[in-house]
């Protein structure tokens, strides 16, 4: 609830998000540098910033709807097991595809 706590939370979020967004940001900056257009640069970087913040705004606006989600229980164990089997199956598929190329 205090300003230093909010600042630390934002700084931590920035440290976590920077490695994910930096490659896309570098690509946008490279594109803007090659076009040499200030207007297109503004539009591209503005669209990039909207895309980066849209999910956070949606989560902030609709965070109260999380209470409507079903509670975890025994059914969640089956969901986790099914997801694990699906991940192993996909890994096997990719191993087979890689073996065909080799």
PDB file of N, CA and C in Angstrom:
ATOM      1  N   UNK A   1       0.787  -1.190   0.000  1.00  0.00           N
ATOM      2  CA  UNK A   1       0.000   0.000   0.000  1.00  0.00           C
ATOM      3  C   UNK A   1       0.837   1.266   0.000  1.00  0.00           C
ATOM      4  N   UNK A   2       2.130   1.201   0.324  1.00  0.00           N
ATOM      5  CA  UNK A   2       2.949   2.412   0.373  1.00  0.00           C
ATOM      6  C   UNK A   2       3.646   2.625  -0.969  1.00  0.00           C
ATOM      7  N   UNK A   3       4.111   3.849  -1.182  1.00  0.00           N
ATOM      8  CA  UNK A   3       4.778   4.172  -2.446  1.00  0.00           C
ATOM      9  C   UNK A   3       6.080   3.392  -2.649  1.00  0.00           C
ATOM     10  N   UNK A   4       6.920   3.209  -1.626  1.00  0.00           N
ATOM     11  CA  UNK A   4       8.131   2.405  -1.835  1.00  0.00           C
ATOM     12  C   UNK A   4       7.820   0.951  -2.191  1.00  0.00           C
ATOM     13  N   UNK A   5       6.771   0.398  -1.597  1.00  0.00           N
ATOM     14  CA  UNK A   5       6.403  -0.985  -1.917  1.00  0.00           C
ATOM     15  C   UNK A   5       5.919  -1.097  -3.354  1.00  0.00           C
ATOM     16  N   UNK A   6       5.137  -0.129  -3.794  1.00  0.00           N
ATOM     17  CA  UNK A   6       4.658  -0.127  -5.175  1.00  0.00           C
ATOM     18  C   UNK A   6       5.830   0.040  -6.131  1.00  0.00           C
ATOM     19  N   UNK A   7       6.783   0.902  -5.784  1.00  0.00           N
ATOM     20  CA  UNK A   7       7.964   1.090  -6.617  1.00  0.00           C
ATOM     21  C   UNK A   7       8.771  -0.200  -6.720  1.00  0.00           C
ATOM     22  N   UNK A   8       8.976  -0.889  -5.601  1.00  0.00           N
ATOM     23  CA  UNK A   8       9.732  -2.144  -5.622  1.00  0.00           C
ATOM     24  C   UNK A   8       9.016  -3.211  -6.439  1.00  0.00           C
ATOM     25  N   UNK A   9       7.703  -3.261  -6.354  1.00  0.00           N
ATOM     26  CA  UNK A   9       6.946  -4.216  -7.156  1.00  0.00           C
ATOM     27  C   UNK A   9       7.093  -3.907  -8.647  1.00  0.00           C
ATOM     28  N   UNK A  10       7.016  -2.638  -9.011  1.00  0.00           N
ATOM     29  CA  UNK A  10       7.193  -2.251 -10.407  1.00  0.00           C
ATOM     30  C   UNK A  10       8.598  -2.516 -10.901  1.00  0.00           C
ATOM     31  N   UNK A  11       9.592  -2.252 -10.069  1.00  0.00           N
ATOM     32  CA  UNK A  11      10.979  -2.515 -10.457  1.00  0.00           C
ATOM     33  C   UNK A  11      11.215  -4.001 -10.654  1.00  0.00           C
ATOM     34  N   UNK A  12      10.652  -4.810  -9.783  1.00  0.00           N
ATOM     35  CA  UNK A  12      10.781  -6.258  -9.932  1.00  0.00           C
ATOM     36  C   UNK A  12      10.099  -6.735 -11.202  1.00  0.00           C
ATOM     37  N   UNK A  13       8.945  -6.200 -11.498  1.00  0.00           N
ATOM     38  CA  UNK A  13       8.248  -6.558 -12.737  1.00  0.00           C
ATOM     39  C   UNK A  13       9.072  -6.161 -13.956  1.00  0.00           C
ATOM     40  N   UNK A  14       9.703  -5.006 -13.897  1.00  0.00           N
ATOM     41  CA  UNK A  14      10.542  -4.566 -15.005  1.00  0.00           C
ATOM     42  C   UNK A  14      11.735  -5.476 -15.215  1.00  0.00           C
ATOM     43  N   UNK A  15      12.351  -5.928 -14.132  1.00  0.00           N
ATOM     44  CA  UNK A  15      13.493  -6.840 -14.251  1.00  0.00           C
ATOM     45  C   UNK A  15      13.061  -8.163 -14.866  1.00  0.00           C
ATOM     46  N   UNK A  16      11.886  -8.628 -14.501  1.00  0.00           N
ATOM     47  CA  UNK A  16      11.390  -9.898 -15.037  1.00  0.00           C
ATOM     48  C   UNK A  16      10.971  -9.749 -16.494  1.00  0.00           C
ATOM     49  N   UNK A  17      10.338  -8.638 -16.845  1.00  0.00           N
ATOM     50  CA  UNK A  17       9.801  -8.468 -18.192  1.00  0.00           C
ATOM     51  C   UNK A  17      10.857  -8.023 -19.203  1.00  0.00           C
ATOM     52  N   UNK A  18      11.944  -7.422 -18.759  1.00  0.00           N
ATOM     53  CA  UNK A  18      12.938  -6.887 -19.686  1.00  0.00           C
ATOM     54  C   UNK A  18      13.540  -7.946 -20.618  1.00  0.00           C
ATOM     55  N   UNK A  19      13.947  -9.115 -20.141  1.00  0.00           N
ATOM     56  CA  UNK A  19      14.503 -10.097 -21.075  1.00  0.00           C
ATOM     57  C   UNK A  19      13.483 -10.617 -22.082  1.00  0.00           C
ATOM     58  N   UNK A  20      12.218 -10.559 -21.734  1.00  0.00           N
ATOM     59  CA  UNK A  20      11.184 -11.041 -22.658  1.00  0.00           C
ATOM     60  C   UNK A  20      10.864 -10.008 -23.734  1.00  0.00           C
ATOM     61  N   UNK A  21      10.842  -8.750 -23.364  1.00  0.00           N
ATOM     62  CA  UNK A  21      10.447  -7.713 -24.306  1.00  0.00           C
ATOM     63  C   UNK A  21      11.591  -7.088 -25.072  1.00  0.00           C
ATOM     64  N   UNK A  22      12.817  -7.253 -24.601  1.00  0.00           N
ATOM     65  CA  UNK A  22      13.960  -6.597 -25.230  1.00  0.00           C
ATOM     66  C   UNK A  22      14.181  -7.022 -26.686  1.00  0.00           C
ATOM     67  N   UNK A  23      14.091  -8.308 -27.040  1.00  0.00           N
ATOM     68  CA  UNK A  23      14.289  -8.658 -28.453  1.00  0.00           C
ATOM     69  C   UNK A  23      13.239  -8.045 -29.378  1.00  0.00           C
ATOM     70  N   UNK A  24      11.999  -8.033 -28.951  1.00  0.00           N
ATOM     71  CA  UNK A  24      10.955  -7.423 -29.776  1.00  0.00           C
ATOM     72  C   UNK A  24      11.162  -5.917 -29.860  1.00  0.00           C
ATOM     73  N   UNK A  25      11.565  -5.306 -28.756  1.00  0.00           N
ATOM     74  CA  UNK A  25      11.828  -3.870 -28.756  1.00  0.00           C
ATOM     75  C   UNK A  25      12.999  -3.535 -29.672  1.00  0.00           C
ATOM     76  N   UNK A  26      14.033  -4.379 -29.667  1.00  0.00           N
ATOM     77  CA  UNK A  26      15.176  -4.165 -30.560  1.00  0.00           C
ATOM     78  C   UNK A  26      14.750  -4.275 -32.020  1.00  0.00           C
ATOM     79  N   UNK A  27      13.871  -5.226 -32.321  1.00  0.00           N
ATOM     80  CA  UNK A  27      13.388  -5.362 -33.697  1.00  0.00           C
ATOM     81  C   UNK A  27      12.590  -4.131 -34.120  1.00  0.00           C
ATOM     82  N   UNK A  28      11.746  -3.622 -33.230  1.00  0.00           N
ATOM     83  CA  UNK A  28      10.964  -2.422 -33.552  1.00  0.00           C
ATOM     84  C   UNK A  28      11.890  -1.219 -33.742  1.00  0.00           C
ATOM     85  N   UNK A  29      12.873  -1.069 -32.869  1.00  0.00           N
ATOM     86  CA  UNK A  29      13.808   0.045 -33.012  1.00  0.00           C
ATOM     87  C   UNK A  29      14.621  -0.067 -34.293  1.00  0.00           C
ATOM     88  N   UNK A  30      15.011  -1.266 -34.663  1.00  0.00           N
ATOM     89  CA  UNK A  30      15.742  -1.465 -35.916  1.00  0.00           C
ATOM     90  C   UNK A  30      14.875  -1.090 -37.101  1.00  0.00           C
ATOM     91  N   UNK A  31      13.627  -1.488 -37.070  1.00  0.00           N
ATOM     92  CA  UNK A  31      12.701  -1.147 -38.158  1.00  0.00           C
ATOM     93  C   UNK A  31      12.503   0.362 -38.247  1.00  0.00           C
ATOM     94  N   UNK A  32      12.354   1.007 -37.104  1.00  0.00           N
ATOM     95  CA  UNK A  32      12.181   2.459 -37.084  1.00  0.00           C
ATOM     96  C   UNK A  32      13.440   3.141 -37.614  1.00  0.00           C
ATOM     97  N   UNK A  33      14.614   2.655 -37.244  1.00  0.00           N
ATOM     98  CA  UNK A  33      15.862   3.260 -37.716  1.00  0.00           C
ATOM     99  C   UNK A  33      16.033   3.108 -39.222  1.00  0.00           C
ATOM    100  N   UNK A  34      15.579   1.994 -39.782  1.00  0.00           N
ATOM    101  CA  UNK A  34      15.725   1.810 -41.225  1.00  0.00           C
ATOM    102  C   UNK A  34      14.724   2.631 -42.012  1.00  0.00           C
ATOM    103  N   UNK A  35      13.540   2.881 -41.468  1.00  0.00           N
ATOM    104  CA  UNK A  35      12.548   3.678 -42.189  1.00  0.00           C
ATOM    105  C   UNK A  35      12.860   5.168 -42.119  1.00  0.00           C
ATOM    106  N   UNK A  36      13.529   5.613 -41.049  1.00  0.00           N
ATOM    107  CA  UNK A  36      13.887   7.023 -40.849  1.00  0.00           C
ATOM    108  C   UNK A  36      12.681   7.949 -40.908  1.00  0.00           C
ATOM    109  N   UNK A  37      11.562   7.460 -40.430  1.00  0.00           N
ATOM    110  CA  UNK A  37      10.343   8.269 -40.396  1.00  0.00           C
ATOM    111  C   UNK A  37       9.920   8.446 -38.946  1.00  0.00           C
ATOM    112  N   UNK A  38       9.836   9.680 -38.515  1.00  0.00           N
ATOM    113  CA  UNK A  38       9.451   9.959 -37.135  1.00  0.00           C
ATOM    114  C   UNK A  38       8.004   9.559 -36.870  1.00  0.00           C
ATOM    115  N   UNK A  39       7.132   9.778 -37.854  1.00  0.00           N
ATOM    116  CA  UNK A  39       5.722   9.448 -37.674  1.00  0.00           C
ATOM    117  C   UNK A  39       5.538   7.938 -37.573  1.00  0.00           C
ATOM    118  N   UNK A  40       6.146   7.189 -38.516  1.00  0.00           N
ATOM    119  CA  UNK A  40       6.043   5.730 -38.446  1.00  0.00           C
ATOM    120  C   UNK A  40       6.710   5.192 -37.182  1.00  0.00           C
ATOM    121  N   UNK A  41       7.820   5.802 -36.793  1.00  0.00           N
ATOM    122  CA  UNK A  41       8.480   5.382 -35.557  1.00  0.00           C
ATOM    123  C   UNK A  41       7.583   5.557 -34.353  1.00  0.00           C
ATOM    124  N   UNK A  42       6.903   6.704 -34.292  1.00  0.00           N
ATOM    125  CA  UNK A  42       5.972   6.927 -33.189  1.00  0.00           C
ATOM    126  C   UNK A  42       4.845   5.901 -33.209  1.00  0.00           C
ATOM    127  N   UNK A  43       4.285   5.644 -34.387  1.00  0.00           N
ATOM    128  CA  UNK A  43       3.170   4.697 -34.498  1.00  0.00           C
ATOM    129  C   UNK A  43       3.613   3.296 -34.096  1.00  0.00           C
ATOM    130  N   UNK A  44       4.755   2.852 -34.598  1.00  0.00           N
ATOM    131  CA  UNK A  44       5.234   1.503 -34.278  1.00  0.00           C
ATOM    132  C   UNK A  44       5.536   1.350 -32.797  1.00  0.00           C
ATOM    133  N   UNK A  45       6.235   2.325 -32.218  1.00  0.00           N
ATOM    134  CA  UNK A  45       6.572   2.222 -30.801  1.00  0.00           C
ATOM    135  C   UNK A  45       5.341   2.383 -29.911  1.00  0.00           C
ATOM    136  N   UNK A  46       4.378   3.199 -30.336  1.00  0.00           N
ATOM    137  CA  UNK A  46       3.140   3.333 -29.575  1.00  0.00           C
ATOM    138  C   UNK A  46       2.344   2.033 -29.612  1.00  0.00           C
ATOM    139  N   UNK A  47       2.265   1.407 -30.786  1.00  0.00           N
ATOM    140  CA  UNK A  47       1.567   0.117 -30.891  1.00  0.00           C
ATOM    141  C   UNK A  47       2.276  -0.948 -30.065  1.00  0.00           C
ATOM    142  N   UNK A  48       3.600  -0.927 -30.063  1.00  0.00           N
ATOM    143  CA  UNK A  48       4.362  -1.878 -29.254  1.00  0.00           C
ATOM    144  C   UNK A  48       4.072  -1.672 -27.766  1.00  0.00           C
ATOM    145  N   UNK A  49       4.030  -0.417 -27.325  1.00  0.00           N
ATOM    146  CA  UNK A  49       3.762  -0.161 -25.907  1.00  0.00           C
ATOM    147  C   UNK A  49       2.340  -0.563 -25.528  1.00  0.00           C
ATOM    148  N   UNK A  50       1.378  -0.354 -26.428  1.00  0.00           N
ATOM    149  CA  UNK A  50       0.011  -0.798 -26.136  1.00  0.00           C
ATOM    150  C   UNK A  50      -0.062  -2.317 -26.015  1.00  0.00           C
ATOM    151  N   UNK A  51       0.642  -3.001 -26.894  1.00  0.00           N
ATOM    152  CA  UNK A  51       0.655  -4.461 -26.829  1.00  0.00           C
ATOM    153  C   UNK A  51       1.302  -4.983 -25.561  1.00  0.00           C
ATOM    154  N   UNK A  52       2.343  -4.297 -25.098  1.00  0.00           N
ATOM    155  CA  UNK A  52       3.030  -4.742 -23.883  1.00  0.00           C
ATOM    156  C   UNK A  52       2.189  -4.509 -22.627  1.00  0.00           C
ATOM    157  N   UNK A  53       1.335  -3.489 -22.639  1.00  0.00           N
ATOM    158  CA  UNK A  53       0.582  -3.160 -21.431  1.00  0.00           C
ATOM    159  C   UNK A  53      -0.863  -3.638 -21.452  1.00  0.00           C
ATOM    160  N   UNK A  54      -1.349  -4.093 -22.588  1.00  0.00           N
ATOM    161  CA  UNK A  54      -2.766  -4.459 -22.684  1.00  0.00           C
ATOM    162  C   UNK A  54      -3.127  -5.578 -21.707  1.00  0.00           C
ATOM    163  N   UNK A  55      -2.288  -6.593 -21.617  1.00  0.00           N
ATOM    164  CA  UNK A  55      -2.585  -7.709 -20.714  1.00  0.00           C
ATOM    165  C   UNK A  55      -2.591  -7.260 -19.257  1.00  0.00           C
ATOM    166  N   UNK A  56      -1.645  -6.403 -18.894  1.00  0.00           N
ATOM    167  CA  UNK A  56      -1.605  -5.920 -17.511  1.00  0.00           C
ATOM    168  C   UNK A  56      -2.837  -5.085 -17.177  1.00  0.00           C
ATOM    169  N   UNK A  57      -3.281  -4.280 -18.113  1.00  0.00           N
ATOM    170  CA  UNK A  57      -4.487  -3.473 -17.882  1.00  0.00           C
ATOM    171  C   UNK A  57      -5.705  -4.375 -17.727  1.00  0.00           C
ATOM    172  N   UNK A  58      -5.820  -5.387 -18.567  1.00  0.00           N
ATOM    173  CA  UNK A  58      -6.955  -6.313 -18.466  1.00  0.00           C
ATOM    174  C   UNK A  58      -6.947  -7.068 -17.140  1.00  0.00           C
ATOM    175  N   UNK A  59      -5.789  -7.517 -16.725  1.00  0.00           N
ATOM    176  CA  UNK A  59      -5.699  -8.217 -15.441  1.00  0.00           C
ATOM    177  C   UNK A  59      -6.074  -7.281 -14.302  1.00  0.00           C
ATOM    178  N   UNK A  60      -5.626  -6.039 -14.375  1.00  0.00           N
ATOM    179  CA  UNK A  60      -5.973  -5.072 -13.337  1.00  0.00           C
ATOM    180  C   UNK A  60      -7.451  -4.752 -13.302  1.00  0.00           C
ATOM    181  N   UNK A  61      -8.072  -4.671 -14.458  1.00  0.00           N
ATOM    182  CA  UNK A  61      -9.495  -4.326 -14.503  1.00  0.00           C
ATOM    183  C   UNK A  61     -10.391  -5.470 -14.050  1.00  0.00           C
ATOM    184  N   UNK A  62     -10.020  -6.686 -14.394  1.00  0.00           N
ATOM    185  CA  UNK A  62     -10.894  -7.825 -14.128  1.00  0.00           C
ATOM    186  C   UNK A  62     -10.314  -8.783 -13.086  1.00  0.00           C
ATOM    187  N   UNK A  63      -9.508  -8.273 -12.160  1.00  0.00           N
ATOM    188  CA  UNK A  63      -8.920  -9.150 -11.149  1.00  0.00           C
ATOM    189  C   UNK A  63      -9.967  -9.687 -10.182  1.00  0.00           C
ATOM    190  N   UNK A  64     -11.096  -9.013 -10.048  1.00  0.00           N
ATOM    191  CA  UNK A  64     -12.155  -9.489  -9.159  1.00  0.00           C
ATOM    192  C   UNK A  64     -12.861 -10.730  -9.671  1.00  0.00           C
ATOM    193  N   UNK A  65     -12.759 -10.998 -10.965  1.00  0.00           N
ATOM    194  CA  UNK A  65     -13.422 -12.179 -11.518  1.00  0.00           C
ATOM    195  C   UNK A  65     -12.691 -13.465 -11.172  1.00  0.00           C
ATOM    196  N   UNK A  66     -11.496 -13.372 -10.591  1.00  0.00           N
ATOM    197  CA  UNK A  66     -10.773 -14.580 -10.193  1.00  0.00           C
ATOM    198  C   UNK A  66     -11.519 -15.350  -9.109  1.00  0.00           C
ATOM    199  N   UNK A  67     -12.349 -14.671  -8.349  1.00  0.00           N
ATOM    200  CA  UNK A  67     -13.113 -15.330  -7.292  1.00  0.00           C
ATOM    201  C   UNK A  67     -14.152 -16.280  -7.872  1.00  0.00           C
ATOM    202  N   UNK A  68     -14.527 -16.084  -9.133  1.00  0.00           N
ATOM    203  CA  UNK A  68     -15.534 -16.945  -9.753  1.00  0.00           C
ATOM    204  C   UNK A  68     -14.938 -18.247 -10.300  1.00  0.00           C
ATOM    205  N   UNK A  69     -13.614 -18.356 -10.335  1.00  0.00           N
ATOM    206  CA  UNK A  69     -12.989 -19.578 -10.844  1.00  0.00           C
ATOM    207  C   UNK A  69     -13.202 -20.725  -9.865  1.00  0.00           C
ATOM    208  N   UNK A  70     -13.289 -21.955 -10.371  1.00  0.00           N
ATOM    209  CA  UNK A  70     -13.481 -23.087  -9.458  1.00  0.00           C
ATOM    210  C   UNK A  70     -12.257 -23.303  -8.577  1.00  0.00           C
ATOM    211  N   UNK A  71     -12.499 -23.800  -7.393  1.00  0.00           N
ATOM    212  CA  UNK A  71     -11.415 -24.073  -6.449  1.00  0.00           C
ATOM    213  C   UNK A  71     -10.657 -25.318  -6.879  1.00  0.00           C
ATOM    214  N   UNK A  72      -9.374 -25.343  -6.525  1.00  0.00           N
ATOM    215  CA  UNK A  72      -8.586 -26.526  -6.852  1.00  0.00           C
ATOM    216  C   UNK A  72      -8.968 -27.664  -5.914  1.00  0.00           C
ATOM    217  N   UNK A  73      -8.775 -28.847  -6.386  1.00  0.00           N
ATOM    218  CA  UNK A  73      -9.108 -30.033  -5.606  1.00  0.00           C
ATOM    219  C   UNK A  73      -8.547 -31.255  -6.293  1.00  0.00           C
ATOM    220  N   UNK A  74      -9.243 -32.378  -6.146  1.00  0.00           N
ATOM    221  CA  UNK A  74      -8.767 -33.620  -6.749  1.00  0.00           C
ATOM    222  C   UNK A  74      -8.772 -33.536  -8.271  1.00  0.00           C
ATOM    223  N   UNK A  75      -9.686 -32.765  -8.837  1.00  0.00           N
ATOM    224  CA  UNK A  75      -9.748 -32.660 -10.288  1.00  0.00           C
ATOM    225  C   UNK A  75      -8.499 -31.987 -10.846  1.00  0.00           C
ATOM    226  N   UNK A  76      -7.863 -31.117 -10.044  1.00  0.00           N
ATOM    227  CA  UNK A  76      -6.662 -30.439 -10.512  1.00  0.00           C
ATOM    228  C   UNK A  76      -5.493 -31.410 -10.652  1.00  0.00           C
ATOM    229  N   UNK A  77      -5.456 -32.440  -9.841  1.00  0.00           N
ATOM    230  CA  UNK A  77      -4.405 -33.450  -9.965  1.00  0.00           C
ATOM    231  C   UNK A  77      -4.521 -34.144 -11.323  1.00  0.00           C
ATOM    232  N   UNK A  78      -5.734 -34.448 -11.738  1.00  0.00           N
ATOM    233  CA  UNK A  78      -5.927 -35.093 -13.046  1.00  0.00           C
ATOM    234  C   UNK A  78      -5.578 -34.154 -14.187  1.00  0.00           C
ATOM    235  N   UNK A  79      -5.875 -32.884 -14.021  1.00  0.00           N
ATOM    236  CA  UNK A  79      -5.516 -31.906 -15.050  1.00  0.00           C
ATOM    237  C   UNK A  79      -3.995 -31.821 -15.168  1.00  0.00           C
ATOM    238  N   UNK A  80      -3.284 -31.800 -14.041  1.00  0.00           N
ATOM    239  CA  UNK A  80      -1.825 -31.736 -14.083  1.00  0.00           C
ATOM    240  C   UNK A  80      -1.241 -32.989 -14.717  1.00  0.00           C
ATOM    241  N   UNK A  81      -1.804 -34.147 -14.409  1.00  0.00           N
ATOM    242  CA  UNK A  81      -1.305 -35.389 -15.012  1.00  0.00           C
ATOM    243  C   UNK A  81      -1.564 -35.418 -16.507  1.00  0.00           C
ATOM    244  N   UNK A  82      -2.737 -34.974 -16.933  1.00  0.00           N
ATOM    245  CA  UNK A  82      -3.054 -34.933 -18.362  1.00  0.00           C
ATOM    246  C   UNK A  82      -2.134 -33.960 -19.091  1.00  0.00           C
ATOM    247  N   UNK A  83      -1.853 -32.818 -18.486  1.00  0.00           N
ATOM    248  CA  UNK A  83      -0.938 -31.859 -19.103  1.00  0.00           C
ATOM    249  C   UNK A  83       0.473 -32.435 -19.192  1.00  0.00           C
ATOM    250  N   UNK A  84       0.883 -33.181 -18.189  1.00  0.00           N
ATOM    251  CA  UNK A  84       2.199 -33.823 -18.220  1.00  0.00           C
ATOM    252  C   UNK A  84       2.300 -34.858 -19.325  1.00  0.00           C
ATOM    253  N   UNK A  85       1.252 -35.666 -19.467  1.00  0.00           N
ATOM    254  CA  UNK A  85       1.248 -36.665 -20.544  1.00  0.00           C
ATOM    255  C   UNK A  85       1.271 -35.979 -21.903  1.00  0.00           C
ATOM    256  N   UNK A  86       0.529 -34.898 -22.050  1.00  0.00           N
ATOM    257  CA  UNK A  86       0.523 -34.151 -23.308  1.00  0.00           C
ATOM    258  C   UNK A  86       1.902 -33.569 -23.613  1.00  0.00           C
ATOM    259  N   UNK A  87       2.582 -33.046 -22.599  1.00  0.00           N
ATOM    260  CA  UNK A  87       3.918 -32.497 -22.817  1.00  0.00           C
ATOM    261  C   UNK A  87       4.910 -33.583 -23.202  1.00  0.00           C
ATOM    262  N   UNK A  88       4.825 -34.737 -22.570  1.00  0.00           N
ATOM    263  CA  UNK A  88       5.720 -35.846 -22.926  1.00  0.00           C
ATOM    264  C   UNK A  88       5.431 -36.324 -24.341  1.00  0.00           C
ATOM    265  N   UNK A  89       4.162 -36.391 -24.719  1.00  0.00           N
ATOM    266  CA  UNK A  89       3.802 -36.799 -26.074  1.00  0.00           C
ATOM    267  C   UNK A  89       4.331 -35.810 -27.110  1.00  0.00           C
ATOM    268  N   UNK A  90       4.227 -34.523 -26.829  1.00  0.00           N
ATOM    269  CA  UNK A  90       4.744 -33.525 -27.761  1.00  0.00           C
ATOM    270  C   UNK A  90       6.263 -33.602 -27.858  1.00  0.00           C
ATOM    271  N   UNK A  91       6.941 -33.833 -26.741  1.00  0.00           N
ATOM    272  CA  UNK A  91       8.397 -33.982 -26.777  1.00  0.00           C
ATOM    273  C   UNK A  91       8.783 -35.192 -27.619  1.00  0.00           C
ATOM    274  N   UNK A  92       8.065 -36.295 -27.470  1.00  0.00           N
ATOM    275  CA  UNK A  92       8.339 -37.491 -28.268  1.00  0.00           C
ATOM    276  C   UNK A  92       8.120 -37.213 -29.749  1.00  0.00           C
ATOM    277  N   UNK A  93       7.070 -36.483 -30.062  1.00  0.00           N
ATOM    278  CA  UNK A  93       6.801 -36.121 -31.464  1.00  0.00           C
ATOM    279  C   UNK A  93       7.964 -35.326 -32.043  1.00  0.00           C
ATOM    280  N   UNK A  94       8.443 -34.334 -31.285  1.00  0.00           N
ATOM    281  CA  UNK A  94       9.546 -33.516 -31.783  1.00  0.00           C
ATOM    282  C   UNK A  94      10.835 -34.320 -31.891  1.00  0.00           C
ATOM    283  N   UNK A  95      11.069 -35.254 -30.972  1.00  0.00           N
ATOM    284  CA  UNK A  95      12.247 -36.125 -31.084  1.00  0.00           C
ATOM    285  C   UNK A  95      12.169 -36.971 -32.344  1.00  0.00           C
ATOM    286  N   UNK A  96      10.995 -37.483 -32.645  1.00  0.00           N
ATOM    287  CA  UNK A  96      10.831 -38.295 -33.859  1.00  0.00           C
ATOM    288  C   UNK A  96      11.059 -37.435 -35.093  1.00  0.00           C
ATOM    289  N   UNK A  97      10.493 -36.238 -35.118  1.00  0.00           N
ATOM    290  CA  UNK A  97      10.688 -35.342 -36.259  1.00  0.00           C
ATOM    291  C   UNK A  97      12.158 -34.962 -36.435  1.00  0.00           C
ATOM    292  N   UNK A  98      12.861 -34.727 -35.324  1.00  0.00           N
ATOM    293  CA  UNK A  98      14.283 -34.406 -35.404  1.00  0.00           C
ATOM    294  C   UNK A  98      15.084 -35.596 -35.909  1.00  0.00           C
ATOM    295  N   UNK A  99      14.683 -36.803 -35.543  1.00  0.00           N
ATOM    296  CA  UNK A  99      15.364 -38.002 -36.022  1.00  0.00           C
ATOM    297  C   UNK A  99      15.177 -38.218 -37.505  1.00  0.00           C
ATOM    298  N   UNK A 100      14.024 -37.808 -38.040  1.00  0.00           N
ATOM    299  CA  UNK A 100      13.781 -37.951 -39.474  1.00  0.00           C
ATOM    300  C   UNK A 100      14.650 -36.999 -40.279  1.00  0.00           C
ATOM    301  N   UNK A 101      14.945 -35.839 -39.734  1.00  0.00           N
ATOM    302  CA  UNK A 101      15.769 -34.859 -40.445  1.00  0.00           C
ATOM    303  C   UNK A 101      17.233 -35.278 -40.406  1.00  0.00           C
ATOM    304  N   UNK A 102      17.657 -35.846 -39.315  1.00  0.00           N
ATOM    305  CA  UNK A 102      19.052 -36.245 -39.138  1.00  0.00           C
ATOM    306  C   UNK A 102      19.407 -37.274 -40.131  1.00  0.00           C
TER     307      UNK A 102
END
